[in-house]
Amino acid sequence: MSFEASANHVTPIGLLRIDHIGVAVPDLDEAIDFYQSTFGMTCVHVETNEEQGVREAMLQVGPTPAGGHVQLLAPLRPESPIGKFLERSGPGVQQVAYTVIDIDATCAALRGKGVRLLYEEPKRGTAGSRINFIHPKDAGGVLVELVQPVDADQRLS
């Protein structure tokens, strides 16, 4: 499915699809091994994001990227957001992320509805994507990530 063809199925604020589910883990390598050996997922990307304080991996569900991804997040330091999450809640689902066509337009639309975002301006996310988060108190207790991939086709094919 091309990005242009799928643009007809965009929500009014620019959400295109579920991008990934983020899971906080204490040990990234151990978690990658578990998800690969237990669920047959494929690790397609690993990186360290100093700004976010995480080492992360994207695991593809199914034979193509269209099956979605699970993002594993391990803290680089205890005071990072993921480190604090693990201390408070233990390992588990930390966020739900949605692909957006234009993160600036989506953020503006959400602010227009009175929704609080964690960042004034989008930040760098996985693989150079642009991201922002909806405050959990404004999303029923769920941390919602908005993701504009560098190349939108990379997450839609």
Protein backbone atom coordinates (compact mmCIF):
# COMPACT_ATOMS: atom_id res chain seq x y z
CA MET A 1 0.00 0.00 0.00
CA SER A 2 1.49 3.34 -0.96
CA PHE A 3 1.40 6.34 1.34
CA GLU A 4 -0.71 8.31 -1.16
CA ALA A 5 -3.28 5.51 -1.53
CA SER A 6 -3.64 5.17 2.21
CA ALA A 7 -4.03 8.93 2.76
CA ASN A 8 -7.73 8.54 1.92
CA HIS A 9 -8.16 6.63 5.20
CA VAL A 10 -6.72 9.27 7.52
CA THR A 11 -8.65 10.43 10.60
CA PRO A 12 -9.61 14.14 10.82
CA ILE A 13 -6.54 14.91 12.98
CA GLY A 14 -4.16 13.00 10.68
CA LEU A 15 -3.84 9.57 12.32
CA LEU A 16 -3.06 6.94 9.72
CA ARG A 17 -2.63 3.68 11.64
CA ILE A 18 -1.23 2.13 14.78
CA ASP A 19 2.53 2.46 14.38
CA HIS A 20 3.74 0.38 17.31
CA ILE A 21 3.18 -0.62 20.90
CA GLY A 22 6.00 0.42 23.24
CA VAL A 23 7.03 -2.03 25.96
CA ALA A 24 9.37 -1.04 28.80
CA VAL A 25 11.94 -3.74 29.60
CA PRO A 26 14.88 -3.83 32.02
CA ASP A 27 17.22 -5.70 29.61
CA LEU A 28 16.92 -5.02 25.87
CA ASP A 29 18.96 -7.97 24.61
CA GLU A 30 17.07 -10.43 26.80
CA ALA A 31 13.73 -8.99 25.65
CA ILE A 32 14.73 -9.14 21.97
CA ASP A 33 15.66 -12.81 22.39
CA PHE A 34 12.34 -13.53 24.11
CA TYR A 35 10.17 -11.81 21.47
CA GLN A 36 12.08 -13.46 18.62
CA SER A 37 12.15 -16.98 20.06
CA THR A 38 8.66 -16.93 21.59
CA PHE A 39 6.64 -14.97 19.03
CA GLY A 40 8.79 -15.32 15.92
CA MET A 41 9.12 -11.55 15.55
CA THR A 42 12.02 -10.09 13.58
CA CYS A 43 14.25 -7.39 15.05
CA VAL A 44 14.49 -4.80 12.27
CA HIS A 45 16.15 -1.89 14.09
CA VAL A 46 18.19 -1.21 17.24
CA GLU A 47 19.47 2.17 18.37
CA THR A 48 20.45 4.25 21.36
CA ASN A 49 18.59 7.53 21.81
CA GLU A 50 20.55 9.58 24.33
CA GLU A 51 17.99 12.42 24.31
CA GLN A 52 15.19 10.04 25.34
CA GLY A 53 17.51 8.05 27.65
CA VAL A 54 16.77 4.67 26.03
CA ARG A 55 18.23 1.83 24.10
CA GLU A 56 15.45 0.58 21.86
CA ALA A 57 14.57 -2.07 19.32
CA MET A 58 11.78 -2.33 16.77
CA LEU A 59 10.47 -5.83 16.19
CA GLN A 60 8.33 -6.52 13.15
CA VAL A 61 5.17 -8.56 13.66
CA GLY A 62 4.56 -10.83 10.68
CA PRO A 63 6.30 -11.06 7.33
CA THR A 64 5.90 -7.39 6.27
CA PRO A 65 6.01 -3.99 8.03
CA ALA A 66 2.24 -3.73 7.50
CA GLY A 67 1.86 -6.21 10.38
CA GLY A 68 2.99 -3.53 12.80
CA HIS A 69 5.78 -3.33 15.31
CA VAL A 70 6.55 -3.80 18.98
CA GLN A 71 9.09 -1.32 20.32
CA LEU A 72 11.18 -2.54 23.23
CA LEU A 73 12.55 0.26 25.44
CA ALA A 74 15.31 -0.21 28.02
CA PRO A 75 16.57 2.70 30.15
CA LEU A 76 20.09 4.05 29.77
CA ARG A 77 19.89 5.43 33.30
CA PRO A 78 17.45 5.09 36.21
CA GLU A 79 16.27 8.72 36.03
CA SER A 80 15.21 8.46 32.36
CA PRO A 81 11.46 8.35 31.63
CA ILE A 82 11.66 4.58 30.94
CA GLY A 83 13.78 4.07 34.07
CA LYS A 84 11.15 5.89 36.14
CA PHE A 85 8.36 3.93 34.44
CA LEU A 86 10.04 0.60 35.30
CA GLU A 87 10.59 1.72 38.91
CA ARG A 88 6.95 2.78 39.26
CA SER A 89 5.14 0.14 37.19
CA GLY A 90 7.57 -2.63 36.33
CA PRO A 91 7.99 -4.06 32.83
CA GLY A 92 5.05 -3.79 30.47
CA VAL A 93 3.16 -1.72 27.94
CA GLN A 94 4.32 1.88 28.22
CA GLN A 95 2.73 3.54 25.16
CA VAL A 96 0.58 3.20 22.07
CA ALA A 97 1.95 4.98 19.00
CA TYR A 98 0.13 6.15 15.88
CA THR A 99 1.61 7.03 12.49
CA VAL A 100 0.65 10.53 11.39
CA ILE A 101 1.05 12.16 8.00
CA ASP A 102 2.03 15.61 9.29
CA ILE A 103 2.97 15.76 12.97
CA ASP A 104 2.86 19.56 13.07
CA ALA A 105 -0.71 19.61 11.74
CA THR A 106 -1.76 16.79 14.09
CA CYS A 107 -0.27 18.56 17.11
CA ALA A 108 -2.00 21.82 16.12
CA ALA A 109 -5.34 20.01 15.70
CA LEU A 110 -4.99 18.35 19.10
CA ARG A 111 -4.05 21.60 20.82
CA GLY A 112 -7.10 23.15 19.18
CA LYS A 113 -9.17 20.52 20.98
CA GLY A 114 -7.52 21.39 24.31
CA VAL A 115 -5.28 18.30 24.39
CA ARG A 116 -1.92 18.74 26.12
CA LEU A 117 1.26 17.50 24.43
CA LEU A 118 4.47 16.72 26.29
CA TYR A 119 6.71 18.71 23.92
CA GLU A 120 6.21 22.19 22.51
CA GLU A 121 7.92 21.03 19.30
CA PRO A 122 8.32 17.44 18.00
CA LYS A 123 11.54 15.65 18.93
CA ARG A 124 13.68 13.04 17.22
CA GLY A 125 12.39 9.49 17.59
CA THR A 126 13.36 6.07 16.28
CA ALA A 127 15.24 6.06 12.97
CA GLY A 128 15.05 9.83 12.65
CA SER A 129 11.26 10.04 12.89
CA ARG A 130 9.57 13.09 14.40
CA ILE A 131 7.57 12.39 17.56
CA ASN A 132 5.44 13.95 20.25
CA PHE A 133 3.32 12.53 23.06
CA ILE A 134 -0.19 13.25 24.30
CA HIS A 135 -0.28 13.74 28.06
CA PRO A 136 -1.71 10.54 29.62
CA LYS A 137 -4.17 12.55 31.71
CA ASP A 138 -5.72 13.79 28.46
CA ALA A 139 -5.87 10.31 26.90
CA GLY A 140 -7.60 8.20 29.53
CA GLY A 141 -4.36 7.28 31.31
CA VAL A 142 -2.63 6.07 28.13
CA LEU A 143 0.63 7.58 26.93
CA VAL A 144 -0.04 8.16 23.22
CA GLU A 145 2.90 8.73 20.89
CA LEU A 146 2.51 10.46 17.54
CA VAL A 147 5.07 9.34 14.92
CA GLN A 148 5.87 10.92 11.58
CA PRO A 149 8.40 8.57 9.96
CA VAL A 150 11.21 10.07 7.91
CA ASP A 151 9.85 8.15 4.93
CA ALA A 152 6.16 7.38 5.50
CA ASP A 153 6.29 4.47 3.00
CA GLN A 154 8.77 2.64 5.28
CA ARG A 155 6.03 1.87 7.82
CA LEU A 156 3.17 1.30 5.40
CA SER A 157 4.43 -1.31 2.98
